[in-house]
Amino acid sequence: MTSKLNGINSRVYHFGSQSEGTTTPGLHSDTDTLYTDENINIMYNISDWKRGMTNYLMVKDETTPVQHYLLQLYRSDVPQPATVRGNHDGLVIEY
């Protein structure tokens, strides 16, 4: 609700044994939370690109473990990779 009041388009999901009602007495089970930002588009391929959104392309290479992907930032105005340069003050995204 706080995100909505602040104009952030997001969703929050709660899951895990405690939220599913499958806890075992005596165990200190937790609740897992997944937060999604609806303004970020994760692409499997370039055809998934969406104008006006923050777009990331899922990239797999020989350095990533099986269950992981690298995320490549794409521009929000055209379906092209963004240029990111960094220094000690932070990152600067150039279009």
C-alpha atoms as a PDB file:
ATOM      1  CA  MET A   1       0.000   0.000   0.000  1.00  0.00           C
ATOM      2  CA  THR A   2       2.867   2.397   0.789  1.00  0.00           C
ATOM      3  CA  SER A   3       4.289   1.910  -2.708  1.00  0.00           C
ATOM      4  CA  LYS A   4       0.925   2.699  -4.307  1.00  0.00           C
ATOM      5  CA  LEU A   5       0.556   5.862  -2.215  1.00  0.00           C
ATOM      6  CA  ASN A   6       4.041   6.935  -3.368  1.00  0.00           C
ATOM      7  CA  GLY A   7       3.160   6.317  -7.026  1.00  0.00           C
ATOM      8  CA  ILE A   8       5.246   3.152  -7.374  1.00  0.00           C
ATOM      9  CA  ASN A   9       3.644   0.464  -9.501  1.00  0.00           C
ATOM     10  CA  SER A  10       4.653  -2.717  -7.669  1.00  0.00           C
ATOM     11  CA  ARG A  11       3.393  -6.030  -6.363  1.00  0.00           C
ATOM     12  CA  VAL A  12       4.393  -7.967  -3.264  1.00  0.00           C
ATOM     13  CA  TYR A  13       3.977 -11.727  -2.932  1.00  0.00           C
ATOM     14  CA  HIS A  14       4.289 -13.664   0.330  1.00  0.00           C
ATOM     15  CA  PHE A  15       4.971 -17.382   0.192  1.00  0.00           C
ATOM     16  CA  GLY A  16       6.713 -20.160   2.094  1.00  0.00           C
ATOM     17  CA  SER A  17       5.640 -22.700   4.680  1.00  0.00           C
ATOM     18  CA  GLN A  18       4.225 -20.160   7.154  1.00  0.00           C
ATOM     19  CA  SER A  19       1.996 -18.419   4.597  1.00  0.00           C
ATOM     20  CA  GLU A  20       0.929 -21.798   3.168  1.00  0.00           C
ATOM     21  CA  GLY A  21      -0.062 -23.104   6.600  1.00  0.00           C
ATOM     22  CA  THR A  22       2.412 -26.005   6.464  1.00  0.00           C
ATOM     23  CA  THR A  23       4.647 -25.107   9.412  1.00  0.00           C
ATOM     24  CA  THR A  24       5.919 -27.741  11.807  1.00  0.00           C
ATOM     25  CA  PRO A  25       5.382 -26.977  15.508  1.00  0.00           C
ATOM     26  CA  GLY A  26       8.676 -26.090  17.196  1.00  0.00           C
ATOM     27  CA  LEU A  27      10.395 -24.949  14.008  1.00  0.00           C
ATOM     28  CA  HIS A  28      10.906 -21.252  13.491  1.00  0.00           C
ATOM     29  CA  SER A  29       9.598 -20.992   9.953  1.00  0.00           C
ATOM     30  CA  ASP A  30       9.687 -17.732   8.095  1.00  0.00           C
ATOM     31  CA  THR A  31       7.661 -16.005   5.442  1.00  0.00           C
ATOM     32  CA  ASP A  32       9.362 -15.350   2.102  1.00  0.00           C
ATOM     33  CA  THR A  33       8.606 -12.099   0.298  1.00  0.00           C
ATOM     34  CA  LEU A  34       9.007 -11.329  -3.407  1.00  0.00           C
ATOM     35  CA  TYR A  35       8.805  -7.657  -4.447  1.00  0.00           C
ATOM     36  CA  THR A  36       8.219  -6.780  -8.104  1.00  0.00           C
ATOM     37  CA  ASP A  37       8.473  -3.390  -9.773  1.00  0.00           C
ATOM     38  CA  GLU A  38       5.929  -3.247 -12.591  1.00  0.00           C
ATOM     39  CA  ASN A  39       7.964  -0.481 -14.308  1.00  0.00           C
ATOM     40  CA  ILE A  40      10.821  -2.895 -15.024  1.00  0.00           C
ATOM     41  CA  ASN A  41      10.587  -5.240 -17.996  1.00  0.00           C
ATOM     42  CA  ILE A  42      12.759  -8.367 -17.988  1.00  0.00           C
ATOM     43  CA  MET A  43      13.246  -9.599 -21.570  1.00  0.00           C
ATOM     44  CA  TYR A  44      13.980 -13.139 -22.735  1.00  0.00           C
ATOM     45  CA  ASN A  45      14.707 -11.720 -26.194  1.00  0.00           C
ATOM     46  CA  ILE A  46      14.675  -8.317 -27.903  1.00  0.00           C
ATOM     47  CA  SER A  47      11.105  -8.768 -29.152  1.00  0.00           C
ATOM     48  CA  ASP A  48       9.971  -8.438 -25.486  1.00  0.00           C
ATOM     49  CA  TRP A  49      11.263  -4.812 -25.314  1.00  0.00           C
ATOM     50  CA  LYS A  50       8.676  -2.202 -24.182  1.00  0.00           C
ATOM     51  CA  ARG A  51       8.879   1.548 -24.840  1.00  0.00           C
ATOM     52  CA  GLY A  52       8.978   3.818 -21.782  1.00  0.00           C
ATOM     53  CA  MET A  53      10.017   1.086 -19.360  1.00  0.00           C
ATOM     54  CA  THR A  54      13.313   0.107 -17.798  1.00  0.00           C
ATOM     55  CA  ASN A  55      14.252  -2.950 -19.878  1.00  0.00           C
ATOM     56  CA  TYR A  56      16.780  -5.649 -19.009  1.00  0.00           C
ATOM     57  CA  LEU A  57      17.779  -8.500 -21.322  1.00  0.00           C
ATOM     58  CA  MET A  58      18.495 -11.871 -19.680  1.00  0.00           C
ATOM     59  CA  VAL A  59      21.935 -13.026 -20.866  1.00  0.00           C
ATOM     60  CA  LYS A  60      23.440 -16.470 -20.318  1.00  0.00           C
ATOM     61  CA  ASP A  61      27.115 -17.225 -20.853  1.00  0.00           C
ATOM     62  CA  GLU A  62      29.739 -19.735 -19.765  1.00  0.00           C
ATOM     63  CA  THR A  63      30.499 -17.789 -16.556  1.00  0.00           C
ATOM     64  CA  THR A  64      26.975 -17.876 -15.095  1.00  0.00           C
ATOM     65  CA  PRO A  65      25.761 -20.777 -12.959  1.00  0.00           C
ATOM     66  CA  VAL A  66      22.819 -22.771 -14.310  1.00  0.00           C
ATOM     67  CA  GLN A  67      20.204 -20.944 -12.219  1.00  0.00           C
ATOM     68  CA  HIS A  68      21.571 -17.423 -12.866  1.00  0.00           C
ATOM     69  CA  TYR A  69      21.433 -14.850 -15.668  1.00  0.00           C
ATOM     70  CA  LEU A  70      23.286 -11.627 -16.334  1.00  0.00           C
ATOM     71  CA  LEU A  71      21.043  -8.595 -16.923  1.00  0.00           C
ATOM     72  CA  GLN A  72      21.925  -6.173 -19.716  1.00  0.00           C
ATOM     73  CA  LEU A  73      20.299  -2.735 -19.447  1.00  0.00           C
ATOM     74  CA  TYR A  74      18.455  -1.528 -22.555  1.00  0.00           C
ATOM     75  CA  ARG A  75      17.305   1.942 -23.451  1.00  0.00           C
ATOM     76  CA  SER A  76      13.690   2.928 -22.790  1.00  0.00           C
ATOM     77  CA  ASP A  77      13.253   4.898 -26.046  1.00  0.00           C
ATOM     78  CA  VAL A  78      14.652   2.415 -28.601  1.00  0.00           C
ATOM     79  CA  PRO A  79      15.461  -1.316 -28.345  1.00  0.00           C
ATOM     80  CA  GLN A  80      19.232  -0.861 -28.028  1.00  0.00           C
ATOM     81  CA  PRO A  81      21.614  -1.542 -25.143  1.00  0.00           C
ATOM     82  CA  ALA A  82      22.282   1.436 -22.870  1.00  0.00           C
ATOM     83  CA  THR A  83      25.813   2.659 -22.234  1.00  0.00           C
ATOM     84  CA  VAL A  84      26.696   2.681 -18.554  1.00  0.00           C
ATOM     85  CA  ARG A  85      29.887   4.203 -17.217  1.00  0.00           C
ATOM     86  CA  GLY A  86      30.907   4.349 -13.601  1.00  0.00           C
ATOM     87  CA  ASN A  87      33.247   6.162 -11.285  1.00  0.00           C
ATOM     88  CA  HIS A  88      33.675   6.522  -7.536  1.00  0.00           C
ATOM     89  CA  ASP A  89      30.571   8.763  -7.355  1.00  0.00           C
ATOM     90  CA  GLY A  90      28.234   6.193  -8.905  1.00  0.00           C
ATOM     91  CA  LEU A  91      26.867   5.076 -12.240  1.00  0.00           C
ATOM     92  CA  VAL A  92      25.865   7.302 -15.130  1.00  0.00           C
ATOM     93  CA  ILE A  93      23.592   5.921 -17.840  1.00  0.00           C
ATOM     94  CA  GLU A  94      24.090   7.437 -21.277  1.00  0.00           C
ATOM     95  CA  TYR A  95      21.683   7.154 -24.185  1.00  0.00           C
END
